[in-house]
C-alpha atoms as a PDB file:
ATOM      1  CA  MET A   1       1.988 -27.507  -8.056  1.00  0.00           C
ATOM      2  CA  GLN A   2      -1.054 -25.421  -9.303  1.00  0.00           C
ATOM      3  CA  ALA A   3      -3.139 -26.856  -6.161  1.00  0.00           C
ATOM      4  CA  ILE A   4      -0.461 -25.667  -3.846  1.00  0.00           C
ATOM      5  CA  ALA A   5      -0.668 -22.087  -5.361  1.00  0.00           C
ATOM      6  CA  THR A   6      -4.500 -22.168  -5.473  1.00  0.00           C
ATOM      7  CA  HIS A   7      -4.186 -23.225  -1.592  1.00  0.00           C
ATOM      8  CA  THR A   8      -1.739 -20.474  -0.849  1.00  0.00           C
ATOM      9  CA  LEU A   9      -3.638 -17.833  -2.798  1.00  0.00           C
ATOM     10  CA  ALA A  10      -6.722 -18.900  -0.852  1.00  0.00           C
ATOM     11  CA  THR A  11      -4.798 -18.780   2.398  1.00  0.00           C
ATOM     12  CA  ALA A  12      -3.542 -15.239   1.639  1.00  0.00           C
ATOM     13  CA  LEU A  13      -6.858 -13.685   0.936  1.00  0.00           C
ATOM     14  CA  SER A  14      -8.476 -15.454   4.062  1.00  0.00           C
ATOM     15  CA  CYS A  15      -5.538 -13.793   6.111  1.00  0.00           C
ATOM     16  CA  ALA A  16      -6.378 -10.593   4.266  1.00  0.00           C
ATOM     17  CA  VAL A  17     -10.276 -10.644   4.773  1.00  0.00           C
ATOM     18  CA  ALA A  18      -9.299 -11.828   8.694  1.00  0.00           C
ATOM     19  CA  ALA A  19      -7.131  -8.527   9.026  1.00  0.00           C
ATOM     20  CA  THR A  20      -9.787  -6.472   7.353  1.00  0.00           C
ATOM     21  CA  LEU A  21     -12.490  -7.614   9.754  1.00  0.00           C
ATOM     22  CA  ALA A  22      -9.949  -7.235  12.722  1.00  0.00           C
ATOM     23  CA  ALA A  23      -9.037  -4.060  12.075  1.00  0.00           C
ATOM     24  CA  GLN A  24     -12.891  -2.810  11.650  1.00  0.00           C
ATOM     25  CA  ARG A  25     -14.182  -4.102  14.634  1.00  0.00           C
ATOM     26  CA  GLU A  26     -16.005  -2.033  17.021  1.00  0.00           C
ATOM     27  CA  THR A  27     -13.466  -2.795  19.383  1.00  0.00           C
ATOM     28  CA  LEU A  28     -10.356  -2.612  17.489  1.00  0.00           C
ATOM     29  CA  ASP A  29      -7.705  -5.620  17.865  1.00  0.00           C
ATOM     30  CA  ALA A  30      -4.821  -4.095  16.255  1.00  0.00           C
ATOM     31  CA  ALA A  31      -2.097  -6.851  17.038  1.00  0.00           C
ATOM     32  CA  VAL A  32      -4.610  -9.365  15.419  1.00  0.00           C
ATOM     33  CA  ALA A  33      -5.123  -7.344  12.101  1.00  0.00           C
ATOM     34  CA  GLU A  34      -1.373  -6.567  12.107  1.00  0.00           C
ATOM     35  CA  THR A  35      -0.461 -10.534  12.033  1.00  0.00           C
ATOM     36  CA  HIS A  36      -3.016 -11.327   9.466  1.00  0.00           C
ATOM     37  CA  TYR A  37      -2.139  -8.451   7.377  1.00  0.00           C
ATOM     38  CA  ARG A  38       1.769  -9.901   7.917  1.00  0.00           C
ATOM     39  CA  GLN A  39       0.856 -13.292   6.946  1.00  0.00           C
ATOM     40  CA  ALA A  40      -0.995 -12.414   4.012  1.00  0.00           C
ATOM     41  CA  LEU A  41       1.857  -9.900   2.688  1.00  0.00           C
ATOM     42  CA  VAL A  42       4.030 -12.865   2.859  1.00  0.00           C
ATOM     43  CA  LEU A  43       1.892 -15.272   1.117  1.00  0.00           C
ATOM     44  CA  ALA A  44       1.306 -12.461  -1.630  1.00  0.00           C
ATOM     45  CA  ASP A  45       4.541 -11.606  -1.882  1.00  0.00           C
ATOM     46  CA  ALA A  46       5.706 -15.464  -2.544  1.00  0.00           C
ATOM     47  CA  LEU A  47       2.891 -15.578  -5.241  1.00  0.00           C
ATOM     48  CA  GLY A  48       3.748 -12.222  -6.934  1.00  0.00           C
ATOM     49  CA  ARG A  49       0.127 -10.957  -6.274  1.00  0.00           C
ATOM     50  CA  ARG A  50       0.716  -7.129  -6.328  1.00  0.00           C
ATOM     51  CA  PRO A  51      -2.922  -6.293  -5.897  1.00  0.00           C
ATOM     52  CA  LEU A  52      -3.078  -8.050  -2.519  1.00  0.00           C
ATOM     53  CA  GLN A  53       0.278  -6.636  -1.558  1.00  0.00           C
ATOM     54  CA  ALA A  54      -0.694  -3.234  -2.133  1.00  0.00           C
ATOM     55  CA  HIS A  55      -3.986  -4.154  -0.318  1.00  0.00           C
ATOM     56  CA  CYS A  56      -1.909  -5.410   2.643  1.00  0.00           C
ATOM     57  CA  HIS A  57       0.190  -2.602   2.656  1.00  0.00           C
ATOM     58  CA  ARG A  58      -2.731  -0.093   2.582  1.00  0.00           C
ATOM     59  CA  GLY A  59      -4.397  -2.218   5.415  1.00  0.00           C
ATOM     60  CA  LEU A  60      -1.530  -1.829   7.523  1.00  0.00           C
ATOM     61  CA  GLY A  61      -1.321   1.777   6.693  1.00  0.00           C
ATOM     62  CA  ARG A  62      -4.779   2.432   7.710  1.00  0.00           C
ATOM     63  CA  LEU A  63      -4.300   0.239  10.857  1.00  0.00           C
ATOM     64  CA  TYR A  64      -1.091   2.354  12.037  1.00  0.00           C
ATOM     65  CA  ALA A  65      -3.040   5.378  11.610  1.00  0.00           C
ATOM     66  CA  THR A  66      -5.572   4.386  13.718  1.00  0.00           C
ATOM     67  CA  THR A  67      -3.148   3.547  16.368  1.00  0.00           C
ATOM     68  CA  GLY A  68      -1.112   6.605  16.204  1.00  0.00           C
ATOM     69  CA  GLN A  69       2.033   5.044  14.389  1.00  0.00           C
ATOM     70  CA  GLN A  70       2.522   8.256  12.091  1.00  0.00           C
ATOM     71  CA  GLU A  71       6.234   6.701  10.686  1.00  0.00           C
ATOM     72  CA  GLN A  72       4.876   3.280  10.063  1.00  0.00           C
ATOM     73  CA  THR A  73       1.775   4.841   8.369  1.00  0.00           C
ATOM     74  CA  ARG A  74       3.545   6.803   5.966  1.00  0.00           C
ATOM     75  CA  ALA A  75       5.919   3.734   5.201  1.00  0.00           C
ATOM     76  CA  GLU A  76       2.874   1.313   4.419  1.00  0.00           C
ATOM     77  CA  LEU A  77       0.953   3.774   2.393  1.00  0.00           C
ATOM     78  CA  SER A  78       4.168   4.592   0.552  1.00  0.00           C
ATOM     79  CA  ALA A  79       4.659   1.004  -0.242  1.00  0.00           C
ATOM     80  CA  ALA A  80       1.064   0.734  -1.244  1.00  0.00           C
ATOM     81  CA  MET A  81       1.337   3.818  -3.673  1.00  0.00           C
ATOM     82  CA  GLU A  82       3.916   1.902  -5.788  1.00  0.00           C
ATOM     83  CA  MET A  83       1.394  -0.500  -6.670  1.00  0.00           C
ATOM     84  CA  THR A  84      -0.954   1.487  -8.776  1.00  0.00           C
ATOM     85  CA  PHE A  85      -4.096  -0.889  -8.420  1.00  0.00           C
ATOM     86  CA  TRP A  86      -4.867   0.898  -5.141  1.00  0.00           C
ATOM     87  CA  LEU A  87      -3.292   4.178  -5.816  1.00  0.00           C
ATOM     88  CA  PRO A  88      -6.497   6.273  -5.815  1.00  0.00           C
ATOM     89  CA  GLN A  89      -7.686   4.872  -2.355  1.00  0.00           C
ATOM     90  CA  THR A  90      -4.272   5.128  -0.923  1.00  0.00           C
ATOM     91  CA  GLU A  91      -3.734   8.683  -1.825  1.00  0.00           C
ATOM     92  CA  THR A  92      -7.087   9.478  -0.050  1.00  0.00           C
ATOM     93  CA  ALA A  93      -6.081   7.262   3.281  1.00  0.00           C
ATOM     94  CA  LEU A  94      -2.280   9.355   3.089  1.00  0.00           C
ATOM     95  CA  ALA A  95      -3.948  12.826   2.647  1.00  0.00           C
ATOM     96  CA  GLN A  96      -6.128  11.994   5.548  1.00  0.00           C
ATOM     97  CA  VAL A  97      -3.238  11.068   7.532  1.00  0.00           C
ATOM     98  CA  ALA A  98      -1.411  13.982   6.429  1.00  0.00           C
ATOM     99  CA  GLY A  99      -4.362  16.101   7.902  1.00  0.00           C
ATOM    100  CA  HIS A 100      -3.690  14.982  11.482  1.00  0.00           C
END
């Protein structure tokens, strides 16, 4: 059972890294980034890994801000703010969105 959880966590982390890389590419691939963040979020939820959940919500929020989806931006950043690990970084991102 532990091996499955370890494998699942590794997969979740890999998805989160792939999402972050896709979101930060010079030529943004928003669909790929969103898919990877969503996959990582599902796995993080299943594992109860709140810091990874917050990372994914924050990443989605920043991605949506980049693509002009303000409602989704606020929803994802608000979800991330509920998880205090990412609170300082998320507050900064939310303030940047509010300024646009």
